[in-house]
Every structure is written in C-alpha cells, then in structure tokens.
Protein backbone atom coordinates (compact mmCIF):
# COMPACT_ATOMS: atom_id res chain seq x y z
CA UNK A 1 -13.68 -5.13 -8.08
CA UNK A 2 -12.07 -1.57 -9.11
CA UNK A 3 -10.95 0.68 -6.31
CA UNK A 4 -9.00 3.98 -6.89
CA UNK A 5 -5.74 4.98 -5.35
CA UNK A 6 -4.71 8.46 -4.84
CA UNK A 7 -0.95 9.48 -4.44
CA UNK A 8 0.36 12.25 -2.23
CA UNK A 9 1.89 13.41 -5.65
CA UNK A 10 -1.99 14.25 -6.77
CA UNK A 11 -2.37 11.79 -9.33
CA UNK A 12 -4.88 8.96 -9.34
CA UNK A 13 -5.06 5.60 -11.10
CA UNK A 14 -7.48 2.63 -10.58
CA UNK A 15 -6.63 -1.19 -9.92
CA UNK A 16 -8.57 -4.48 -10.13
CA UNK A 17 -8.84 -6.02 -6.73
CA UNK A 18 -10.61 -9.30 -5.11
CA UNK A 19 -12.23 -9.07 -1.57
CA UNK A 20 -10.22 -11.62 -0.34
CA UNK A 21 -6.90 -9.81 -1.50
CA UNK A 22 -4.58 -9.25 1.62
CA UNK A 23 -3.27 -5.61 1.89
CA UNK A 24 0.01 -7.23 0.77
CA UNK A 25 -1.78 -8.31 -2.53
CA UNK A 26 -2.80 -4.74 -3.17
CA UNK A 27 0.37 -3.24 -2.19
CA UNK A 28 2.07 -5.65 -4.91
CA UNK A 29 -0.56 -5.00 -7.52
CA UNK A 30 0.19 -1.14 -7.15
CA UNK A 31 4.02 -2.02 -7.38
CA UNK A 32 3.07 -3.86 -10.51
CA UNK A 33 0.94 -0.76 -11.89
CA UNK A 34 3.04 1.94 -11.28
CA UNK A 35 7.05 0.43 -11.08
CA UNK A 36 8.82 -0.85 -8.37
CA UNK A 37 11.33 2.04 -8.53
CA UNK A 38 8.30 4.58 -7.86
CA UNK A 39 6.11 2.67 -5.48
CA UNK A 40 7.97 -0.36 -3.78
CA UNK A 41 5.78 -2.67 -1.89
CA UNK A 42 7.73 -3.03 0.97
CA UNK A 43 7.52 0.99 1.54
CA UNK A 44 4.08 1.24 0.93
CA UNK A 45 1.38 2.35 3.53
CA UNK A 46 -2.30 2.19 2.51
CA UNK A 47 -4.88 4.37 4.04
CA UNK A 48 -8.37 3.70 4.00
CA UNK A 49 -11.07 5.99 5.69
CA UNK A 50 -8.23 7.55 7.48
CA UNK A 51 -6.79 4.14 8.71
CA UNK A 52 -3.43 2.93 7.92
CA UNK A 53 -4.40 -1.01 6.72
CA UNK A 54 -2.33 -3.92 8.13
CA UNK A 55 -0.65 -6.10 5.84
CA UNK A 56 -2.11 -9.34 6.86
CA UNK A 57 -5.78 -8.10 6.67
CA UNK A 58 -8.11 -8.76 3.88
CA UNK A 59 -10.17 -6.04 1.89
CA UNK A 60 -13.24 -7.59 2.97
CA UNK A 61 -12.25 -7.38 6.68
CA UNK A 62 -11.48 -3.74 6.04
CA UNK A 63 -14.98 -3.50 4.70
CA UNK A 64 -13.32 -1.97 1.36
CA UNK A 65 -16.43 -1.65 -1.46
CA UNK A 66 -16.50 -1.17 -5.04
CA UNK A 67 -15.01 2.12 -6.24
CA UNK A 68 -13.42 2.86 -2.59
CA UNK A 69 -10.39 4.81 -2.93
CA UNK A 70 -7.33 4.19 -0.88
CA UNK A 71 -4.29 6.78 -0.33
CA UNK A 72 -0.76 5.30 -0.64
CA UNK A 73 2.21 6.77 1.00
CA UNK A 74 5.82 5.66 1.08
CA UNK A 75 7.78 5.29 4.41
CA UNK A 76 11.27 6.74 4.41
CA UNK A 77 14.19 4.00 4.48
CA UNK A 78 17.12 5.02 6.34
CA UNK A 79 20.08 2.48 6.45
CA UNK A 80 22.38 1.55 9.16
CA UNK A 81 24.81 -1.20 8.45
CA UNK A 82 22.66 -4.15 7.01
CA UNK A 83 19.53 -3.05 9.00
CA UNK A 84 16.93 -0.76 7.05
CA UNK A 85 14.89 0.93 9.74
CA UNK A 86 11.31 2.23 8.71
CA UNK A 87 9.82 5.13 9.89
CA UNK A 88 6.91 3.18 11.00
CA UNK A 89 9.13 1.02 13.06
CA UNK A 90 9.73 -2.21 10.83
CA UNK A 91 13.06 -3.45 10.16
CA UNK A 92 14.55 -5.38 7.34
CA UNK A 93 17.69 -7.34 8.05
C-alpha cells in the first residue's frame, strides 16, 4: 500500500509499505528513498495521527491505512565520549 511522508522541511513523498512492516522497516525505507545522509533511520521519529510510533510495532497494529500520511522528524544526536545520546532518551554505545 502507498503512504505519504511529510517532512518538517515542507516536502512530501510517497513510499510503498505492507501492513506487516514494522516501524523500523518504514524508517529504513525512508532512509533508502531519501538518503542516509538526509534521513538516517536511527535518528528518525515517525508520527502518525499525533502519536510517535514505537519501532517494534507494525503498521497494522498502529491502524495505518492506504493513503495515510506520516510526519518524519529527526532526533538530535550529541556525542559524549563513545556514547551517542538522543533527545528522546535512547543511547548508542
């Protein structure tokens, strides 16, 4: 099914997804379409109907329908030593 992605930069694009795709799958799809330098999957946050989607949930679990739209945002990364701290509390070692 096709869904639309809106960015905070004001651009829109569409991607092809399946209901069984996880949010992580969708983030990787966006990274593939837009480029890892522009929308790296690890920094993306997807918002659907005002809710930030959890990575391990599927589109079906989130009741995403054909022609729906997501908003994609990037979390900021700050590096302290060898740990990347994200603004949403995640850490990468």
